[in-house]
């Protein structure tokens, strides 16, 4: 981690929701999802929060040797967003505890606040992490 990585870091990211990020596309093999409303899926929303935090951190890490992985997400999905609306996620790095980074975030779709909560990420060495995965696969 670079010295520039400091508590209080903020980042804002916008994303226009496409059709393929709606509930029926979350698990196409799940027939239950196929009959659900055509709105931004919570699973994809979690990914958008993660992406925002990664983008916030990238210039403050020895990228791509150093990366972060998500270790928790505590959020409420409070409003439905149809495809075509733009979601803005605002994230703030609240705490740095060794390699554990905790963000608060809030997101809206231009009409409603759609989510808020906290997200934790852990700084990893990409090569070491990948080697551990490879040894796990061989077991």
C-alpha atoms as a PDB file:
ATOM      1  CA  UNK A   1       0.000   0.000   0.000  1.00  0.00           C
ATOM      2  CA  UNK A   2       1.248   3.435  -0.881  1.00  0.00           C
ATOM      3  CA  UNK A   3       1.492   6.298   1.615  1.00  0.00           C
ATOM      4  CA  UNK A   4      -1.296   8.029  -0.308  1.00  0.00           C
ATOM      5  CA  UNK A   5      -3.832   5.498   0.992  1.00  0.00           C
ATOM      6  CA  UNK A   6      -5.424   7.430   3.833  1.00  0.00           C
ATOM      7  CA  UNK A   7      -8.579   7.282   5.910  1.00  0.00           C
ATOM      8  CA  UNK A   8     -11.148   9.716   4.513  1.00  0.00           C
ATOM      9  CA  UNK A   9     -10.416   8.884   0.869  1.00  0.00           C
ATOM     10  CA  UNK A  10     -13.591   9.420  -1.162  1.00  0.00           C
ATOM     11  CA  UNK A  11     -14.575   8.206  -4.608  1.00  0.00           C
ATOM     12  CA  UNK A  12     -17.645   8.601  -6.785  1.00  0.00           C
ATOM     13  CA  UNK A  13     -18.534   6.281  -9.657  1.00  0.00           C
ATOM     14  CA  UNK A  14     -21.471   6.347 -12.062  1.00  0.00           C
ATOM     15  CA  UNK A  15     -22.901   3.416 -13.990  1.00  0.00           C
ATOM     16  CA  UNK A  16     -25.871   3.255 -16.344  1.00  0.00           C
ATOM     17  CA  UNK A  17     -27.799   0.059 -15.661  1.00  0.00           C
ATOM     18  CA  UNK A  18     -28.033  -2.109 -18.791  1.00  0.00           C
ATOM     19  CA  UNK A  19     -30.682  -4.739 -19.454  1.00  0.00           C
ATOM     20  CA  UNK A  20     -28.219  -7.568 -18.722  1.00  0.00           C
ATOM     21  CA  UNK A  21     -27.744  -6.452 -15.087  1.00  0.00           C
ATOM     22  CA  UNK A  22     -31.384  -7.033 -14.135  1.00  0.00           C
ATOM     23  CA  UNK A  23     -32.741  -9.849 -11.964  1.00  0.00           C
ATOM     24  CA  UNK A  24     -33.593 -12.233 -14.857  1.00  0.00           C
ATOM     25  CA  UNK A  25     -29.912 -12.106 -15.914  1.00  0.00           C
ATOM     26  CA  UNK A  26     -28.412 -12.802 -12.475  1.00  0.00           C
ATOM     27  CA  UNK A  27     -28.539 -16.583 -12.875  1.00  0.00           C
ATOM     28  CA  UNK A  28     -30.070 -17.303 -16.281  1.00  0.00           C
ATOM     29  CA  UNK A  29     -30.400 -20.995 -15.364  1.00  0.00           C
ATOM     30  CA  UNK A  30     -32.630 -20.134 -12.379  1.00  0.00           C
ATOM     31  CA  UNK A  31     -36.212 -20.283 -13.600  1.00  0.00           C
ATOM     32  CA  UNK A  32     -37.368 -18.384 -10.508  1.00  0.00           C
ATOM     33  CA  UNK A  33     -35.355 -15.335 -11.542  1.00  0.00           C
ATOM     34  CA  UNK A  34     -36.811 -15.430 -15.052  1.00  0.00           C
ATOM     35  CA  UNK A  35     -40.261 -14.351 -13.849  1.00  0.00           C
ATOM     36  CA  UNK A  36     -39.072 -11.625 -11.480  1.00  0.00           C
ATOM     37  CA  UNK A  37     -39.195  -7.879 -12.206  1.00  0.00           C
ATOM     38  CA  UNK A  38     -36.769  -6.431 -14.727  1.00  0.00           C
ATOM     39  CA  UNK A  39     -34.829  -4.243 -12.254  1.00  0.00           C
ATOM     40  CA  UNK A  40     -31.203  -3.851 -11.205  1.00  0.00           C
ATOM     41  CA  UNK A  41     -30.367  -7.037  -9.278  1.00  0.00           C
ATOM     42  CA  UNK A  42     -29.060  -6.830  -5.724  1.00  0.00           C
ATOM     43  CA  UNK A  43     -26.264  -9.229  -6.686  1.00  0.00           C
ATOM     44  CA  UNK A  44     -25.082  -6.830  -9.381  1.00  0.00           C
ATOM     45  CA  UNK A  45     -25.486  -3.874  -6.991  1.00  0.00           C
ATOM     46  CA  UNK A  46     -23.082  -5.548  -4.542  1.00  0.00           C
ATOM     47  CA  UNK A  47     -20.646  -5.931  -7.434  1.00  0.00           C
ATOM     48  CA  UNK A  48     -21.032  -2.262  -8.341  1.00  0.00           C
ATOM     49  CA  UNK A  49     -20.161  -1.231  -4.777  1.00  0.00           C
ATOM     50  CA  UNK A  50     -17.105  -3.505  -4.897  1.00  0.00           C
ATOM     51  CA  UNK A  51     -16.062  -2.071  -8.261  1.00  0.00           C
ATOM     52  CA  UNK A  52     -16.372   1.475  -6.905  1.00  0.00           C
ATOM     53  CA  UNK A  53     -14.148   0.643  -3.933  1.00  0.00           C
ATOM     54  CA  UNK A  54     -11.573  -1.083  -6.157  1.00  0.00           C
ATOM     55  CA  UNK A  55     -11.444   1.983  -8.399  1.00  0.00           C
ATOM     56  CA  UNK A  56     -11.009   4.178  -5.305  1.00  0.00           C
ATOM     57  CA  UNK A  57      -8.054   2.106  -4.135  1.00  0.00           C
ATOM     58  CA  UNK A  58      -6.278   1.222  -7.373  1.00  0.00           C
ATOM     59  CA  UNK A  59      -3.952   4.249  -7.595  1.00  0.00           C
ATOM     60  CA  UNK A  60      -3.024   3.828  -3.914  1.00  0.00           C
ATOM     61  CA  UNK A  61      -1.810   0.235  -4.334  1.00  0.00           C
ATOM     62  CA  UNK A  62       1.093  -1.379  -6.159  1.00  0.00           C
ATOM     63  CA  UNK A  63      -1.406  -2.472  -8.830  1.00  0.00           C
ATOM     64  CA  UNK A  64      -1.633  -5.179 -10.171  1.00  0.00           C
ATOM     65  CA  UNK A  65       0.751  -6.884  -7.718  1.00  0.00           C
ATOM     66  CA  UNK A  66      -1.325  -5.577  -4.827  1.00  0.00           C
ATOM     67  CA  UNK A  67      -5.086  -5.908  -5.085  1.00  0.00           C
ATOM     68  CA  UNK A  68      -8.044  -6.101  -2.727  1.00  0.00           C
ATOM     69  CA  UNK A  69     -10.729  -8.717  -2.226  1.00  0.00           C
ATOM     70  CA  UNK A  70     -14.117  -8.155  -0.670  1.00  0.00           C
ATOM     71  CA  UNK A  71     -14.603  -9.775   2.718  1.00  0.00           C
ATOM     72  CA  UNK A  72     -17.966  -8.361   3.792  1.00  0.00           C
ATOM     73  CA  UNK A  73     -20.859  -6.228   2.636  1.00  0.00           C
ATOM     74  CA  UNK A  74     -23.591  -4.883   4.895  1.00  0.00           C
ATOM     75  CA  UNK A  75     -26.210  -3.097   2.863  1.00  0.00           C
ATOM     76  CA  UNK A  76     -29.892  -2.547   2.296  1.00  0.00           C
ATOM     77  CA  UNK A  77     -31.303  -2.435  -1.222  1.00  0.00           C
ATOM     78  CA  UNK A  78     -33.990   0.172  -0.629  1.00  0.00           C
ATOM     79  CA  UNK A  79     -35.418   1.053  -4.061  1.00  0.00           C
ATOM     80  CA  UNK A  80     -35.799  -0.615  -7.447  1.00  0.00           C
ATOM     81  CA  UNK A  81     -33.883   0.747 -10.441  1.00  0.00           C
ATOM     82  CA  UNK A  82     -35.024  -0.023 -13.999  1.00  0.00           C
ATOM     83  CA  UNK A  83     -32.509  -0.380 -16.843  1.00  0.00           C
ATOM     84  CA  UNK A  84     -31.467   2.913 -18.389  1.00  0.00           C
ATOM     85  CA  UNK A  85     -31.144   4.855 -15.145  1.00  0.00           C
ATOM     86  CA  UNK A  86     -27.691   5.919 -13.965  1.00  0.00           C
ATOM     87  CA  UNK A  87     -26.554   4.838 -10.519  1.00  0.00           C
ATOM     88  CA  UNK A  88     -24.051   6.996  -8.633  1.00  0.00           C
ATOM     89  CA  UNK A  89     -22.098   5.289  -5.861  1.00  0.00           C
ATOM     90  CA  UNK A  90     -20.225   7.445  -3.341  1.00  0.00           C
ATOM     91  CA  UNK A  91     -17.718   5.593  -1.169  1.00  0.00           C
ATOM     92  CA  UNK A  92     -15.577   6.792   1.738  1.00  0.00           C
ATOM     93  CA  UNK A  93     -12.676   4.875   3.249  1.00  0.00           C
ATOM     94  CA  UNK A  94     -13.579   5.025   6.943  1.00  0.00           C
ATOM     95  CA  UNK A  95     -10.876   2.879   8.539  1.00  0.00           C
ATOM     96  CA  UNK A  96      -7.576   1.223   7.741  1.00  0.00           C
ATOM     97  CA  UNK A  97      -6.759  -1.632  10.115  1.00  0.00           C
ATOM     98  CA  UNK A  98      -3.570  -3.186   8.785  1.00  0.00           C
ATOM     99  CA  UNK A  99      -4.627  -4.698   5.468  1.00  0.00           C
ATOM    100  CA  UNK A 100      -8.361  -4.491   6.233  1.00  0.00           C
ATOM    101  CA  UNK A 101     -10.098  -1.484   4.688  1.00  0.00           C
ATOM    102  CA  UNK A 102     -13.624  -0.441   5.661  1.00  0.00           C
ATOM    103  CA  UNK A 103     -15.766   1.762   3.432  1.00  0.00           C
ATOM    104  CA  UNK A 104     -19.107   3.428   3.953  1.00  0.00           C
ATOM    105  CA  UNK A 105     -21.152   4.005   0.820  1.00  0.00           C
ATOM    106  CA  UNK A 106     -24.405   5.377  -0.486  1.00  0.00           C
ATOM    107  CA  UNK A 107     -25.891   5.098  -3.970  1.00  0.00           C
ATOM    108  CA  UNK A 108     -28.782   6.681  -5.817  1.00  0.00           C
ATOM    109  CA  UNK A 109     -30.360   6.311  -9.241  1.00  0.00           C
ATOM    110  CA  UNK A 110     -31.145   9.976  -9.722  1.00  0.00           C
ATOM    111  CA  UNK A 111     -34.594   9.494  -8.197  1.00  0.00           C
ATOM    112  CA  UNK A 112     -34.149   7.432  -5.029  1.00  0.00           C
ATOM    113  CA  UNK A 113     -31.404   6.422  -2.644  1.00  0.00           C
ATOM    114  CA  UNK A 114     -31.115   2.767  -3.609  1.00  0.00           C
ATOM    115  CA  UNK A 115     -28.566   1.489  -1.107  1.00  0.00           C
ATOM    116  CA  UNK A 116     -26.276   2.420   1.736  1.00  0.00           C
ATOM    117  CA  UNK A 117     -24.058   0.489   4.062  1.00  0.00           C
ATOM    118  CA  UNK A 118     -20.503  -0.650   4.690  1.00  0.00           C
ATOM    119  CA  UNK A 119     -18.084  -2.781   2.736  1.00  0.00           C
ATOM    120  CA  UNK A 120     -14.796  -4.329   3.869  1.00  0.00           C
ATOM    121  CA  UNK A 121     -11.895  -5.234   1.611  1.00  0.00           C
ATOM    122  CA  UNK A 122      -8.575  -6.908   2.341  1.00  0.00           C
ATOM    123  CA  UNK A 123      -5.285  -6.077   0.612  1.00  0.00           C
ATOM    124  CA  UNK A 124      -3.650  -9.115  -0.981  1.00  0.00           C
ATOM    125  CA  UNK A 125      -0.514  -9.946  -2.902  1.00  0.00           C
ATOM    126  CA  UNK A 126      -1.884 -11.239  -6.206  1.00  0.00           C
ATOM    127  CA  UNK A 127       0.865 -13.813  -6.796  1.00  0.00           C
ATOM    128  CA  UNK A 128       0.663 -15.304  -3.284  1.00  0.00           C
ATOM    129  CA  UNK A 129      -3.159 -15.329  -3.354  1.00  0.00           C
ATOM    130  CA  UNK A 130      -3.192 -17.100  -6.729  1.00  0.00           C
ATOM    131  CA  UNK A 131      -0.636 -19.656  -5.534  1.00  0.00           C
ATOM    132  CA  UNK A 132      -2.844 -20.427  -2.519  1.00  0.00           C
ATOM    133  CA  UNK A 133      -5.832 -20.932  -4.816  1.00  0.00           C
ATOM    134  CA  UNK A 134      -3.852 -23.270  -7.051  1.00  0.00           C
ATOM    135  CA  UNK A 135      -2.817 -25.401  -4.073  1.00  0.00           C
ATOM    136  CA  UNK A 136      -6.471 -25.520  -2.944  1.00  0.00           C
ATOM    137  CA  UNK A 137      -7.563 -26.756  -6.370  1.00  0.00           C
ATOM    138  CA  UNK A 138      -4.953 -29.557  -6.257  1.00  0.00           C
ATOM    139  CA  UNK A 139      -6.310 -30.928  -2.954  1.00  0.00           C
END
